[in-house]
Structures are given as C-alpha cells and as structure tokens.
Amino acid sequence: MAEEQIVVLRGGARDGDTTTVDGSVRRLLATSDAPGLVDVYEDTGELVPVRGNTGRGVVFALVGQEPAGDLPPEVLHSPPASSGPSA
C-alpha cells in the first residue's frame, strides 16, 4: 500500500477543499450538488503548498460529472460542511 497523500480539489463546489487519500489514488469521486451525479476529480501531478501542513498537496482537478448509479455512499468523498440543511 502506498503512503497517504494530501489532495487539494480544484473546480466545482469543492474548490480548495483538502482530503487525504492513499498515494495510489488517481481518480476521486465526490457527491455533487447536482442530484443523481458525482463530481469526478483526477490527479494533475501538480504539487501546491497546503496551509497548516509541512508537506505539499497533489492537485486533483474537476474533469466532469457522471451518473451516481448504484455507487454506495461510503465510496464517495463527503460533501462540504456548508452544504447541509439550512435552518
């Protein structure tokens, strides 16, 4: 298993969000603001500084959307905290 790496998401509703993934990950699916779709992010190979970390993060850019189909929720990157129900 590869080491974990910090990922910086670029584009879409999650622009600027960070997460950690196994270093072998090259494609990340995230829940979309659009019902029934997932956002697709792919590794660009670009490294950028990440605030609060000594290491640099790998940029994953939004390359499009795909139907969510039968994907179980646990395989998706979580939605941003600000996207929850409003009071």
PDB file of N, CA and C in Angstrom:
ATOM      1  N   MET A   1       0.839  -1.178   0.000  1.00  0.00           N
ATOM      2  CA  MET A   1       0.000   0.000   0.000  1.00  0.00           C
ATOM      3  C   MET A   1       0.885   1.243   0.000  1.00  0.00           C
ATOM      4  N   ALA A   2       0.522   2.222  -0.835  1.00  0.00           N
ATOM      5  CA  ALA A   2       1.283   3.458  -0.929  1.00  0.00           C
ATOM      6  C   ALA A   2       1.004   4.344   0.284  1.00  0.00           C
ATOM      7  N   GLU A   3       1.909   5.294   0.525  1.00  0.00           N
ATOM      8  CA  GLU A   3       1.707   6.254   1.611  1.00  0.00           C
ATOM      9  C   GLU A   3       0.527   7.144   1.325  1.00  0.00           C
ATOM     10  N   GLU A   4      -0.053   7.704   2.382  1.00  0.00           N
ATOM     11  CA  GLU A   4      -1.133   8.660   2.189  1.00  0.00           C
ATOM     12  C   GLU A   4      -0.579   9.963   1.645  1.00  0.00           C
ATOM     13  N   GLN A   5      -1.402  10.648   0.848  1.00  0.00           N
ATOM     14  CA  GLN A   5      -1.024  11.953   0.326  1.00  0.00           C
ATOM     15  C   GLN A   5      -2.171  12.940   0.561  1.00  0.00           C
ATOM     16  N   ILE A   6      -1.804  14.207   0.685  1.00  0.00           N
ATOM     17  CA  ILE A   6      -2.806  15.264   0.810  1.00  0.00           C
ATOM     18  C   ILE A   6      -3.245  15.622  -0.603  1.00  0.00           C
ATOM     19  N   VAL A   7      -4.561  15.766  -0.785  1.00  0.00           N
ATOM     20  CA  VAL A   7      -5.132  16.131  -2.071  1.00  0.00           C
ATOM     21  C   VAL A   7      -5.836  17.473  -1.923  1.00  0.00           C
ATOM     22  N   VAL A   8      -5.608  18.363  -2.892  1.00  0.00           N
ATOM     23  CA  VAL A   8      -6.296  19.646  -2.963  1.00  0.00           C
ATOM     24  C   VAL A   8      -7.225  19.585  -4.167  1.00  0.00           C
ATOM     25  N   LEU A   9      -8.533  19.761  -3.925  1.00  0.00           N
ATOM     26  CA  LEU A   9      -9.501  19.694  -5.014  1.00  0.00           C
ATOM     27  C   LEU A   9      -9.610  21.054  -5.702  1.00  0.00           C
ATOM     28  N   ARG A  10      -9.644  21.021  -7.033  1.00  0.00           N
ATOM     29  CA  ARG A  10      -9.767  22.249  -7.826  1.00  0.00           C
ATOM     30  C   ARG A  10     -10.981  22.151  -8.738  1.00  0.00           C
ATOM     31  N   GLY A  11     -11.838  23.155  -8.655  1.00  0.00           N
ATOM     32  CA  GLY A  11     -13.015  23.211  -9.502  1.00  0.00           C
ATOM     33  C   GLY A  11     -14.253  22.720  -8.779  1.00  0.00           C
ATOM     34  N   GLY A  12     -15.400  23.116  -9.305  1.00  0.00           N
ATOM     35  CA  GLY A  12     -16.662  22.668  -8.733  1.00  0.00           C
ATOM     36  C   GLY A  12     -16.928  23.243  -7.354  1.00  0.00           C
ATOM     37  N   ALA A  13     -17.906  22.671  -6.692  1.00  0.00           N
ATOM     38  CA  ALA A  13     -18.330  23.141  -5.368  1.00  0.00           C
ATOM     39  C   ALA A  13     -17.273  22.905  -4.298  1.00  0.00           C
ATOM     40  N   ARG A  14     -16.321  22.025  -4.540  1.00  0.00           N
ATOM     41  CA  ARG A  14     -15.301  21.690  -3.544  1.00  0.00           C
ATOM     42  C   ARG A  14     -13.950  22.356  -3.808  1.00  0.00           C
ATOM     43  N   ASP A  15     -13.939  23.361  -4.654  1.00  0.00           N
ATOM     44  CA  ASP A  15     -12.691  24.048  -4.991  1.00  0.00           C
ATOM     45  C   ASP A  15     -11.968  24.491  -3.725  1.00  0.00           C
ATOM     46  N   GLY A  16     -10.732  24.052  -3.558  1.00  0.00           N
ATOM     47  CA  GLY A  16      -9.930  24.414  -2.396  1.00  0.00           C
ATOM     48  C   GLY A  16     -10.029  23.453  -1.234  1.00  0.00           C
ATOM     49  N   ASP A  17     -10.985  22.531  -1.237  1.00  0.00           N
ATOM     50  CA  ASP A  17     -11.087  21.533  -0.167  1.00  0.00           C
ATOM     51  C   ASP A  17      -9.875  20.618  -0.207  1.00  0.00           C
ATOM     52  N   THR A  18      -9.505  20.094   0.956  1.00  0.00           N
ATOM     53  CA  THR A  18      -8.413  19.127   1.031  1.00  0.00           C
ATOM     54  C   THR A  18      -8.902  17.850   1.682  1.00  0.00           C
ATOM     55  N   THR A  19      -8.228  16.764   1.374  1.00  0.00           N
ATOM     56  CA  THR A  19      -8.502  15.472   1.983  1.00  0.00           C
ATOM     57  C   THR A  19      -7.233  14.652   1.880  1.00  0.00           C
ATOM     58  N   THR A  20      -7.199  13.504   2.518  1.00  0.00           N
ATOM     59  CA  THR A  20      -6.063  12.596   2.354  1.00  0.00           C
ATOM     60  C   THR A  20      -6.557  11.304   1.723  1.00  0.00           C
ATOM     61  N   VAL A  21      -5.726  10.758   0.858  1.00  0.00           N
ATOM     62  CA  VAL A  21      -6.038   9.510   0.176  1.00  0.00           C
ATOM     63  C   VAL A  21      -4.771   8.668   0.090  1.00  0.00           C
ATOM     64  N   ASP A  22      -4.937   7.402  -0.192  1.00  0.00           N
ATOM     65  CA  ASP A  22      -3.806   6.524  -0.442  1.00  0.00           C
ATOM     66  C   ASP A  22      -3.049   7.074  -1.652  1.00  0.00           C
ATOM     67  N   GLY A  23      -1.736   7.002  -1.624  1.00  0.00           N
ATOM     68  CA  GLY A  23      -0.909   7.539  -2.693  1.00  0.00           C
ATOM     69  C   GLY A  23      -1.129   6.914  -4.052  1.00  0.00           C
ATOM     70  N   SER A  24      -1.805   5.777  -4.108  1.00  0.00           N
ATOM     71  CA  SER A  24      -2.071   5.127  -5.398  1.00  0.00           C
ATOM     72  C   SER A  24      -3.331   5.666  -6.080  1.00  0.00           C
ATOM     73  N   VAL A  25      -4.121   6.493  -5.369  1.00  0.00           N
ATOM     74  CA  VAL A  25      -5.373   7.024  -5.920  1.00  0.00           C
ATOM     75  C   VAL A  25      -5.058   8.048  -7.008  1.00  0.00           C
ATOM     76  N   ARG A  26      -5.704   7.918  -8.161  1.00  0.00           N
ATOM     77  CA  ARG A  26      -5.521   8.846  -9.275  1.00  0.00           C
ATOM     78  C   ARG A  26      -6.832   9.487  -9.710  1.00  0.00           C
ATOM     79  N   ARG A  27      -7.940   8.988  -9.156  1.00  0.00           N
ATOM     80  CA  ARG A  27      -9.276   9.480  -9.511  1.00  0.00           C
ATOM     81  C   ARG A  27     -10.122   9.465  -8.252  1.00  0.00           C
ATOM     82  N   LEU A  28     -10.868  10.552  -8.022  1.00  0.00           N
ATOM     83  CA  LEU A  28     -11.668  10.664  -6.816  1.00  0.00           C
ATOM     84  C   LEU A  28     -13.092  11.056  -7.212  1.00  0.00           C
ATOM     85  N   LEU A  29     -14.074  10.358  -6.654  1.00  0.00           N
ATOM     86  CA  LEU A  29     -15.485  10.670  -6.883  1.00  0.00           C
ATOM     87  C   LEU A  29     -16.025  11.374  -5.645  1.00  0.00           C
ATOM     88  N   ALA A  30     -16.752  12.467  -5.867  1.00  0.00           N
ATOM     89  CA  ALA A  30     -17.324  13.227  -4.754  1.00  0.00           C
ATOM     90  C   ALA A  30     -18.793  13.496  -5.034  1.00  0.00           C
ATOM     91  N   THR A  31     -19.597  13.518  -3.980  1.00  0.00           N
ATOM     92  CA  THR A  31     -21.007  13.840  -4.185  1.00  0.00           C
ATOM     93  C   THR A  31     -21.102  15.207  -4.836  1.00  0.00           C
ATOM     94  N   SER A  32     -22.072  15.346  -5.704  1.00  0.00           N
ATOM     95  CA  SER A  32     -22.245  16.571  -6.480  1.00  0.00           C
ATOM     96  C   SER A  32     -23.418  17.376  -5.938  1.00  0.00           C
ATOM     97  N   ASP A  33     -23.427  18.659  -6.252  1.00  0.00           N
ATOM     98  CA  ASP A  33     -24.595  19.484  -5.941  1.00  0.00           C
ATOM     99  C   ASP A  33     -25.758  19.103  -6.852  1.00  0.00           C
ATOM    100  N   ALA A  34     -25.452  18.490  -7.984  1.00  0.00           N
ATOM    101  CA  ALA A  34     -26.488  18.080  -8.941  1.00  0.00           C
ATOM    102  C   ALA A  34     -27.039  16.713  -8.532  1.00  0.00           C
ATOM    103  N   PRO A  35     -28.336  16.610  -8.319  1.00  0.00           N
ATOM    104  CA  PRO A  35     -28.928  15.332  -7.904  1.00  0.00           C
ATOM    105  C   PRO A  35     -28.624  14.208  -8.890  1.00  0.00           C
ATOM    106  N   GLY A  36     -28.241  13.042  -8.340  1.00  0.00           N
ATOM    107  CA  GLY A  36     -28.004  11.861  -9.153  1.00  0.00           C
ATOM    108  C   GLY A  36     -26.663  11.821  -9.861  1.00  0.00           C
ATOM    109  N   LEU A  37     -25.806  12.820  -9.624  1.00  0.00           N
ATOM    110  CA  LEU A  37     -24.492  12.853 -10.271  1.00  0.00           C
ATOM    111  C   LEU A  37     -23.380  12.850  -9.229  1.00  0.00           C
ATOM    112  N   VAL A  38     -22.197  12.449  -9.647  1.00  0.00           N
ATOM    113  CA  VAL A  38     -20.994  12.576  -8.831  1.00  0.00           C
ATOM    114  C   VAL A  38     -20.004  13.442  -9.590  1.00  0.00           C
ATOM    115  N   ASP A  39     -19.230  14.240  -8.856  1.00  0.00           N
ATOM    116  CA  ASP A  39     -18.149  15.015  -9.449  1.00  0.00           C
ATOM    117  C   ASP A  39     -16.935  14.104  -9.568  1.00  0.00           C
ATOM    118  N   VAL A  40     -16.230  14.191 -10.681  1.00  0.00           N
ATOM    119  CA  VAL A  40     -15.057  13.365 -10.928  1.00  0.00           C
ATOM    120  C   VAL A  40     -13.823  14.261 -10.934  1.00  0.00           C
ATOM    121  N   TYR A  41     -12.874  13.943 -10.062  1.00  0.00           N
ATOM    122  CA  TYR A  41     -11.607  14.669  -9.964  1.00  0.00           C
ATOM    123  C   TYR A  41     -10.478  13.717 -10.338  1.00  0.00           C
ATOM    124  N   GLU A  42      -9.486  14.243 -11.079  1.00  0.00           N
ATOM    125  CA  GLU A  42      -8.339  13.421 -11.464  1.00  0.00           C
ATOM    126  C   GLU A  42      -7.043  14.121 -11.095  1.00  0.00           C
ATOM    127  N   ASP A  43      -6.044  13.316 -10.777  1.00  0.00           N
ATOM    128  CA  ASP A  43      -4.709  13.760 -10.393  1.00  0.00           C
ATOM    129  C   ASP A  43      -4.061  14.522 -11.547  1.00  0.00           C
ATOM    130  N   THR A  44      -3.579  15.740 -11.266  1.00  0.00           N
ATOM    131  CA  THR A  44      -2.892  16.528 -12.290  1.00  0.00           C
ATOM    132  C   THR A  44      -1.377  16.406 -12.190  1.00  0.00           C
ATOM    133  N   GLY A  45      -0.902  15.876 -11.062  1.00  0.00           N
ATOM    134  CA  GLY A  45       0.540  15.807 -10.842  1.00  0.00           C
ATOM    135  C   GLY A  45       1.126  17.099 -10.290  1.00  0.00           C
ATOM    136  N   GLU A  46       0.327  18.165 -10.251  1.00  0.00           N
ATOM    137  CA  GLU A  46       0.786  19.447  -9.719  1.00  0.00           C
ATOM    138  C   GLU A  46       0.839  19.382  -8.194  1.00  0.00           C
ATOM    139  N   LEU A  47       1.895  19.915  -7.601  1.00  0.00           N
ATOM    140  CA  LEU A  47       2.049  19.980  -6.149  1.00  0.00           C
ATOM    141  C   LEU A  47       1.920  21.424  -5.707  1.00  0.00           C
ATOM    142  N   VAL A  48       1.158  21.647  -4.630  1.00  0.00           N
ATOM    143  CA  VAL A  48       0.953  23.001  -4.118  1.00  0.00           C
ATOM    144  C   VAL A  48       1.101  22.998  -2.601  1.00  0.00           C
ATOM    145  N   PRO A  49       1.504  24.140  -2.015  1.00  0.00           N
ATOM    146  CA  PRO A  49       1.556  24.235  -0.554  1.00  0.00           C
ATOM    147  C   PRO A  49       0.152  24.100   0.033  1.00  0.00           C
ATOM    148  N   VAL A  50       0.066  23.502   1.219  1.00  0.00           N
ATOM    149  CA  VAL A  50      -1.214  23.344   1.913  1.00  0.00           C
ATOM    150  C   VAL A  50      -1.076  24.003   3.280  1.00  0.00           C
ATOM    151  N   ARG A  51      -1.934  24.984   3.532  1.00  0.00           N
ATOM    152  CA  ARG A  51      -1.880  25.720   4.793  1.00  0.00           C
ATOM    153  C   ARG A  51      -1.996  24.754   5.972  1.00  0.00           C
ATOM    154  N   GLY A  52      -1.115  24.929   6.956  1.00  0.00           N
ATOM    155  CA  GLY A  52      -1.155  24.111   8.162  1.00  0.00           C
ATOM    156  C   GLY A  52      -0.427  22.785   8.044  1.00  0.00           C
ATOM    157  N   ASN A  53       0.208  22.532   6.885  1.00  0.00           N
ATOM    158  CA  ASN A  53       0.940  21.281   6.674  1.00  0.00           C
ATOM    159  C   ASN A  53       2.347  21.588   6.196  1.00  0.00           C
ATOM    160  N   THR A  54       3.288  20.755   6.589  1.00  0.00           N
ATOM    161  CA  THR A  54       4.656  20.950   6.114  1.00  0.00           C
ATOM    162  C   THR A  54       4.843  20.392   4.711  1.00  0.00           C
ATOM    163  N   GLY A  55       4.041  19.384   4.367  1.00  0.00           N
ATOM    164  CA  GLY A  55       4.125  18.801   3.030  1.00  0.00           C
ATOM    165  C   GLY A  55       3.280  19.567   2.035  1.00  0.00           C
ATOM    166  N   ARG A  56       3.402  19.164   0.788  1.00  0.00           N
ATOM    167  CA  ARG A  56       2.613  19.780  -0.270  1.00  0.00           C
ATOM    168  C   ARG A  56       1.503  18.826  -0.683  1.00  0.00           C
ATOM    169  N   GLY A  57       0.452  19.384  -1.246  1.00  0.00           N
ATOM    170  CA  GLY A  57      -0.685  18.586  -1.673  1.00  0.00           C
ATOM    171  C   GLY A  57      -0.686  18.391  -3.176  1.00  0.00           C
ATOM    172  N   VAL A  58      -1.226  17.276  -3.603  1.00  0.00           N
ATOM    173  CA  VAL A  58      -1.381  16.974  -5.026  1.00  0.00           C
ATOM    174  C   VAL A  58      -2.720  17.528  -5.484  1.00  0.00           C
ATOM    175  N   VAL A  59      -2.720  18.274  -6.579  1.00  0.00           N
ATOM    176  CA  VAL A  59      -3.955  18.855  -7.098  1.00  0.00           C
ATOM    177  C   VAL A  59      -4.734  17.803  -7.883  1.00  0.00           C
ATOM    178  N   PHE A  60      -6.012  17.656  -7.541  1.00  0.00           N
ATOM    179  CA  PHE A  60      -6.955  16.840  -8.297  1.00  0.00           C
ATOM    180  C   PHE A  60      -7.952  17.824  -8.899  1.00  0.00           C
ATOM    181  N   ALA A  61      -8.049  17.875 -10.221  1.00  0.00           N
ATOM    182  CA  ALA A  61      -8.916  18.830 -10.904  1.00  0.00           C
ATOM    183  C   ALA A  61     -10.236  18.174 -11.304  1.00  0.00           C
ATOM    184  N   LEU A  62     -11.298  18.973 -11.251  1.00  0.00           N
ATOM    185  CA  LEU A  62     -12.610  18.520 -11.690  1.00  0.00           C
ATOM    186  C   LEU A  62     -12.556  18.294 -13.198  1.00  0.00           C
ATOM    187  N   VAL A  63     -12.890  17.074 -13.624  1.00  0.00           N
ATOM    188  CA  VAL A  63     -12.870  16.752 -15.058  1.00  0.00           C
ATOM    189  C   VAL A  63     -14.268  16.506 -15.605  1.00  0.00           C
ATOM    190  N   GLY A  64     -15.278  16.506 -14.740  1.00  0.00           N
ATOM    191  CA  GLY A  64     -16.641  16.317 -15.206  1.00  0.00           C
ATOM    192  C   GLY A  64     -17.513  15.693 -14.151  1.00  0.00           C
ATOM    193  N   GLN A  65     -18.675  15.237 -14.611  1.00  0.00           N
ATOM    194  CA  GLN A  65     -19.630  14.578 -13.737  1.00  0.00           C
ATOM    195  C   GLN A  65     -20.098  13.291 -14.397  1.00  0.00           C
ATOM    196  N   GLU A  66     -20.504  12.344 -13.559  1.00  0.00           N
ATOM    197  CA  GLU A  66     -21.025  11.060 -14.038  1.00  0.00           C
ATOM    198  C   GLU A  66     -22.266  10.711 -13.231  1.00  0.00           C
ATOM    199  N   PRO A  67     -23.151   9.909 -13.796  1.00  0.00           N
ATOM    200  CA  PRO A  67     -24.298   9.441 -13.008  1.00  0.00           C
ATOM    201  C   PRO A  67     -23.818   8.646 -11.788  1.00  0.00           C
ATOM    202  N   ALA A  68     -24.454   8.885 -10.654  1.00  0.00           N
ATOM    203  CA  ALA A  68     -24.069   8.173  -9.427  1.00  0.00           C
ATOM    204  C   ALA A  68     -24.413   6.696  -9.522  1.00  0.00           C
ATOM    205  N   GLY A  69     -25.459   6.371 -10.256  1.00  0.00           N
ATOM    206  CA  GLY A  69     -25.830   4.972 -10.418  1.00  0.00           C
ATOM    207  C   GLY A  69     -26.011   4.276  -9.086  1.00  0.00           C
ATOM    208  N   ASP A  70     -25.386   3.111  -8.954  1.00  0.00           N
ATOM    209  CA  ASP A  70     -25.523   2.308  -7.743  1.00  0.00           C
ATOM    210  C   ASP A  70     -24.333   2.456  -6.797  1.00  0.00           C
ATOM    211  N   LEU A  71     -23.580   3.556  -6.914  1.00  0.00           N
ATOM    212  CA  LEU A  71     -22.426   3.745  -6.033  1.00  0.00           C
ATOM    213  C   LEU A  71     -22.884   3.881  -4.585  1.00  0.00           C
ATOM    214  N   PRO A  72     -22.319   3.083  -3.690  1.00  0.00           N
ATOM    215  CA  PRO A  72     -22.683   3.234  -2.278  1.00  0.00           C
ATOM    216  C   PRO A  72     -22.093   4.529  -1.717  1.00  0.00           C
ATOM    217  N   PRO A  73     -22.784   5.205  -0.818  1.00  0.00           N
ATOM    218  CA  PRO A  73     -22.313   6.488  -0.285  1.00  0.00           C
ATOM    219  C   PRO A  73     -20.921   6.430   0.328  1.00  0.00           C
ATOM    220  N   GLU A  74     -20.528   5.278   0.885  1.00  0.00           N
ATOM    221  CA  GLU A  74     -19.234   5.207   1.565  1.00  0.00           C
ATOM    222  C   GLU A  74     -18.038   5.279   0.619  1.00  0.00           C
ATOM    223  N   VAL A  75     -18.238   5.153  -0.691  1.00  0.00           N
ATOM    224  CA  VAL A  75     -17.108   5.268  -1.626  1.00  0.00           C
ATOM    225  C   VAL A  75     -16.960   6.689  -2.149  1.00  0.00           C
ATOM    226  N   LEU A  76     -17.819   7.600  -1.720  1.00  0.00           N
ATOM    227  CA  LEU A  76     -17.783   8.974  -2.188  1.00  0.00           C
ATOM    228  C   LEU A  76     -17.107   9.868  -1.167  1.00  0.00           C
ATOM    229  N   HIS A  77     -16.413  10.905  -1.675  1.00  0.00           N
ATOM    230  CA  HIS A  77     -15.853  11.937  -0.806  1.00  0.00           C
ATOM    231  C   HIS A  77     -17.022  12.715  -0.222  1.00  0.00           C
ATOM    232  N   SER A  78     -16.970  13.040   1.060  1.00  0.00           N
ATOM    233  CA  SER A  78     -18.068  13.725   1.739  1.00  0.00           C
ATOM    234  C   SER A  78     -18.328  15.106   1.184  1.00  0.00           C
ATOM    235  N   PRO A  79     -19.583  15.545   1.207  1.00  0.00           N
ATOM    236  CA  PRO A  79     -19.900  16.912   0.769  1.00  0.00           C
ATOM    237  C   PRO A  79     -19.339  17.937   1.759  1.00  0.00           C
ATOM    238  N   PRO A  80     -19.134  19.170   1.306  1.00  0.00           N
ATOM    239  CA  PRO A  80     -18.631  20.198   2.224  1.00  0.00           C
ATOM    240  C   PRO A  80     -19.613  20.436   3.360  1.00  0.00           C
ATOM    241  N   ALA A  81     -19.116  20.804   4.511  1.00  0.00           N
ATOM    242  CA  ALA A  81     -19.959  21.022   5.694  1.00  0.00           C
ATOM    243  C   ALA A  81     -21.011  22.091   5.443  1.00  0.00           C
ATOM    244  N   SER A  82     -20.709  23.066   4.596  1.00  0.00           N
ATOM    245  CA  SER A  82     -21.645  24.161   4.359  1.00  0.00           C
ATOM    246  C   SER A  82     -22.834  23.741   3.494  1.00  0.00           C
ATOM    247  N   SER A  83     -22.826  22.513   2.956  1.00  0.00           N
ATOM    248  CA  SER A  83     -23.910  22.110   2.065  1.00  0.00           C
ATOM    249  C   SER A  83     -25.055  21.421   2.800  1.00  0.00           C
ATOM    250  N   GLY A  84     -24.988  21.385   4.113  1.00  0.00           N
ATOM    251  CA  GLY A  84     -26.049  20.744   4.890  1.00  0.00           C
ATOM    252  C   GLY A  84     -27.318  21.550   4.872  1.00  0.00           C
ATOM    253  N   PRO A  85     -28.374  21.021   5.485  1.00  0.00           N
ATOM    254  CA  PRO A  85     -29.658  21.724   5.504  1.00  0.00           C
ATOM    255  C   PRO A  85     -29.530  23.074   6.214  1.00  0.00           C
ATOM    256  N   SER A  86     -30.230  24.047   5.704  1.00  0.00           N
ATOM    257  CA  SER A  86     -30.183  25.372   6.347  1.00  0.00           C
ATOM    258  C   SER A  86     -31.301  25.484   7.363  1.00  0.00           C
ATOM    259  N   ALA A  87     -31.062  26.308   8.367  1.00  0.00           N
ATOM    260  CA  ALA A  87     -32.045  26.480   9.447  1.00  0.00           C
ATOM    261  C   ALA A  87     -33.075  27.514   9.090  1.00  0.00           C
TER     262      ALA A  87
END
